[in-house]
Amino acid sequence: MEDRFAGYLETHDKELRYSQCADPCSAQLGLVLRVQRAGDLVLSRAVMVAEAWADRCWDTTEGSIPRQEWKTFEW
């Protein structure tokens, strides 16, 4: 999924960023692809944020996404 996301962003001249948790993100789209562990499975899900939160959506310490989101699904 990460490769497809990166390819899409490149095709549309969007910037790819990574959070401190290594989640791929796009501030222009307001989208973070979160990865979480569920037992022996690794799951992924999209976290979409409003334009007001999109700036620094990859930043787990200073961004606007609540800390609980980053801590709830830690590796």
Protein backbone atom coordinates (compact mmCIF):
# COMPACT_ATOMS: atom_id res chain seq x y z
CA MET A 1 0.00 0.00 0.00
CA GLU A 2 2.86 2.37 0.79
CA ASP A 3 4.31 1.97 -2.71
CA ARG A 4 0.97 2.75 -4.33
CA PHE A 5 0.49 5.77 -2.06
CA ALA A 6 3.99 7.05 -2.86
CA GLY A 7 3.39 6.51 -6.58
CA TYR A 8 0.10 8.41 -6.45
CA LEU A 9 1.71 11.33 -4.65
CA GLU A 10 4.60 11.45 -7.10
CA THR A 11 2.24 11.36 -10.09
CA HIS A 12 0.24 14.27 -8.66
CA ASP A 13 3.24 16.36 -7.50
CA LYS A 14 2.43 15.88 -3.82
CA GLU A 15 5.00 15.55 -1.06
CA LEU A 16 5.49 12.29 0.85
CA ARG A 17 6.39 12.59 4.52
CA TYR A 18 6.86 10.03 7.27
CA SER A 19 5.77 10.34 10.88
CA GLN A 20 8.12 9.54 13.73
CA CYS A 21 6.33 6.18 13.79
CA ALA A 22 7.27 5.63 10.10
CA ASP A 23 3.70 6.11 8.85
CA PRO A 24 3.57 7.60 5.32
CA CYS A 25 1.70 10.92 5.21
CA SER A 26 0.64 13.67 2.87
CA ALA A 27 -0.08 17.13 4.26
CA GLN A 28 -1.56 18.21 0.90
CA LEU A 29 -4.16 15.45 1.16
CA GLY A 30 -4.49 15.53 4.95
CA LEU A 31 -3.89 11.79 5.02
CA VAL A 32 -1.83 9.51 7.25
CA LEU A 33 -1.58 5.79 6.52
CA ARG A 34 -1.43 4.27 10.00
CA VAL A 35 -0.01 0.84 10.69
CA GLN A 36 -1.02 -1.10 13.76
CA ARG A 37 -0.43 -4.53 15.16
CA ALA A 38 -3.28 -6.85 16.14
CA GLY A 39 -1.68 -9.97 17.56
CA ASP A 40 0.31 -11.53 14.73
CA LEU A 41 -1.35 -9.36 12.09
CA VAL A 42 -0.25 -5.99 10.80
CA LEU A 43 -3.19 -3.82 9.78
CA SER A 44 -3.29 -0.49 8.01
CA ARG A 45 -5.90 2.23 8.00
CA ALA A 46 -6.20 5.75 6.76
CA VAL A 47 -6.48 8.71 9.13
CA MET A 48 -7.92 11.72 7.34
CA VAL A 49 -7.67 15.16 8.86
CA ALA A 50 -9.26 18.53 8.13
CA GLU A 51 -7.26 21.14 6.26
CA ALA A 52 -6.63 23.00 9.52
CA TRP A 53 -4.84 19.91 10.90
CA ALA A 54 -3.08 18.88 7.68
CA ASP A 55 -0.01 21.00 8.31
CA ARG A 56 2.36 18.77 10.27
CA CYS A 57 -0.06 15.81 10.24
CA TRP A 58 3.03 13.59 10.26
CA ASP A 59 4.37 15.11 13.48
CA THR A 60 3.47 12.86 16.41
CA THR A 61 4.65 15.37 19.01
CA GLU A 62 3.71 18.82 17.70
CA GLY A 63 1.00 18.15 15.11
CA SER A 64 -2.74 18.58 15.70
CA ILE A 65 -3.66 14.88 15.66
CA PRO A 66 -4.43 13.98 19.29
CA ARG A 67 -1.69 12.10 21.13
CA GLN A 68 -4.17 9.31 21.89
CA GLU A 69 -4.30 8.41 18.18
CA TRP A 70 -0.56 7.86 18.08
CA LYS A 71 -0.42 6.00 21.42
CA THR A 72 -3.48 3.77 21.02
CA PHE A 73 -2.11 1.77 18.11
CA GLU A 74 1.61 1.70 18.81
CA TRP A 75 3.75 -1.14 17.63
